[in-house]
Amino acid sequence: MSLSALVRAELDRHDWDSLRCGCGGPAGHVPMMFEAIIEAGTPGDMAGYTLANHLDPRRAGR
């Protein structure tokens, strides 16, 4: 599955490096993780890519 133009536009509209990630660093790596998960053809293609501990809605805006 390829990334749609709408998904790309949504990912590109954020300044990810200015956001703090749940892992403690800047969130600049999060769009790449979304892309890897969305574009994966099999579960094995997503191995090593997870949003767990990266996205925490309870910390949004902090």
C-alpha atoms as a PDB file:
ATOM      1  CA  MET A   1       0.000   0.000   0.000  1.00  0.00           C
ATOM      2  CA  SER A   2       1.391   3.399  -0.871  1.00  0.00           C
ATOM      3  CA  LEU A   3       1.020   6.626   1.009  1.00  0.00           C
ATOM      4  CA  SER A   4      -1.899   8.670  -0.266  1.00  0.00           C
ATOM      5  CA  ALA A   5      -1.522  12.344  -1.082  1.00  0.00           C
ATOM      6  CA  LEU A   6      -3.840  13.181   1.819  1.00  0.00           C
ATOM      7  CA  VAL A   7      -1.763  11.228   4.327  1.00  0.00           C
ATOM      8  CA  ARG A   8       1.424  12.820   2.980  1.00  0.00           C
ATOM      9  CA  ALA A   9      -0.160  16.293   3.246  1.00  0.00           C
ATOM     10  CA  GLU A  10      -1.188  15.635   6.853  1.00  0.00           C
ATOM     11  CA  LEU A  11       2.262  14.366   7.819  1.00  0.00           C
ATOM     12  CA  ASP A  12       3.945  17.293   6.079  1.00  0.00           C
ATOM     13  CA  ARG A  13       1.822  19.969   7.733  1.00  0.00           C
ATOM     14  CA  HIS A  14       3.452  19.458  11.138  1.00  0.00           C
ATOM     15  CA  ASP A  15       6.866  20.611  12.297  1.00  0.00           C
ATOM     16  CA  TRP A  16       7.668  17.262  13.857  1.00  0.00           C
ATOM     17  CA  ASP A  17      11.118  18.259  15.087  1.00  0.00           C
ATOM     18  CA  SER A  18       9.535  20.957  17.249  1.00  0.00           C
ATOM     19  CA  LEU A  19       7.312  18.387  18.996  1.00  0.00           C
ATOM     20  CA  ARG A  20       8.469  16.243  21.876  1.00  0.00           C
ATOM     21  CA  CYS A  21       8.101  12.539  21.294  1.00  0.00           C
ATOM     22  CA  GLY A  22       6.988  10.047  23.927  1.00  0.00           C
ATOM     23  CA  CYS A  23      10.450   8.487  23.670  1.00  0.00           C
ATOM     24  CA  GLY A  24      11.886  11.719  25.081  1.00  0.00           C
ATOM     25  CA  GLY A  25      13.486  13.201  21.977  1.00  0.00           C
ATOM     26  CA  PRO A  26      12.150  15.321  19.128  1.00  0.00           C
ATOM     27  CA  ALA A  27       9.368  13.679  17.114  1.00  0.00           C
ATOM     28  CA  GLY A  28      11.093  14.076  13.728  1.00  0.00           C
ATOM     29  CA  HIS A  29      11.236  10.289  13.310  1.00  0.00           C
ATOM     30  CA  VAL A  30       7.475   9.756  13.773  1.00  0.00           C
ATOM     31  CA  PRO A  31       6.429  10.446  10.132  1.00  0.00           C
ATOM     32  CA  MET A  32       8.888   7.802   8.904  1.00  0.00           C
ATOM     33  CA  MET A  33       7.358   5.329  11.330  1.00  0.00           C
ATOM     34  CA  PHE A  34       3.846   6.113  10.064  1.00  0.00           C
ATOM     35  CA  GLU A  35       5.068   5.635   6.493  1.00  0.00           C
ATOM     36  CA  ALA A  36       6.695   2.278   7.252  1.00  0.00           C
ATOM     37  CA  ILE A  37       3.545   0.986   8.948  1.00  0.00           C
ATOM     38  CA  ILE A  38       1.164   2.239   6.241  1.00  0.00           C
ATOM     39  CA  GLU A  39       3.311   1.000   3.356  1.00  0.00           C
ATOM     40  CA  ALA A  40       4.007  -2.422   4.860  1.00  0.00           C
ATOM     41  CA  GLY A  41       2.798  -5.264   2.683  1.00  0.00           C
ATOM     42  CA  THR A  42       3.130  -7.867   5.420  1.00  0.00           C
ATOM     43  CA  PRO A  43       3.435  -7.792   9.205  1.00  0.00           C
ATOM     44  CA  GLY A  44       7.122  -8.610   8.757  1.00  0.00           C
ATOM     45  CA  ASP A  45       7.599  -5.395   6.779  1.00  0.00           C
ATOM     46  CA  MET A  46       6.602  -3.467   9.913  1.00  0.00           C
ATOM     47  CA  ALA A  47       9.041  -5.290  12.190  1.00  0.00           C
ATOM     48  CA  GLY A  48      10.780  -2.746  14.362  1.00  0.00           C
ATOM     49  CA  TYR A  49       8.259   0.008  13.626  1.00  0.00           C
ATOM     50  CA  THR A  50       5.767   0.786  16.341  1.00  0.00           C
ATOM     51  CA  LEU A  51       4.144   3.933  17.606  1.00  0.00           C
ATOM     52  CA  ALA A  52       4.028   2.578  21.157  1.00  0.00           C
ATOM     53  CA  ASN A  53       5.932   4.864  23.518  1.00  0.00           C
ATOM     54  CA  HIS A  54       6.154   7.488  20.772  1.00  0.00           C
ATOM     55  CA  LEU A  55       2.603   8.825  20.695  1.00  0.00           C
ATOM     56  CA  ASP A  56       0.835   9.556  23.944  1.00  0.00           C
ATOM     57  CA  PRO A  57      -2.358  11.591  23.614  1.00  0.00           C
ATOM     58  CA  ARG A  58      -2.273  12.338  27.343  1.00  0.00           C
ATOM     59  CA  ARG A  59       0.883  14.381  26.732  1.00  0.00           C
ATOM     60  CA  ALA A  60      -0.390  16.293  23.718  1.00  0.00           C
ATOM     61  CA  GLY A  61       0.427  19.981  23.895  1.00  0.00           C
ATOM     62  CA  ARG A  62       2.946  19.627  26.685  1.00  0.00           C
END
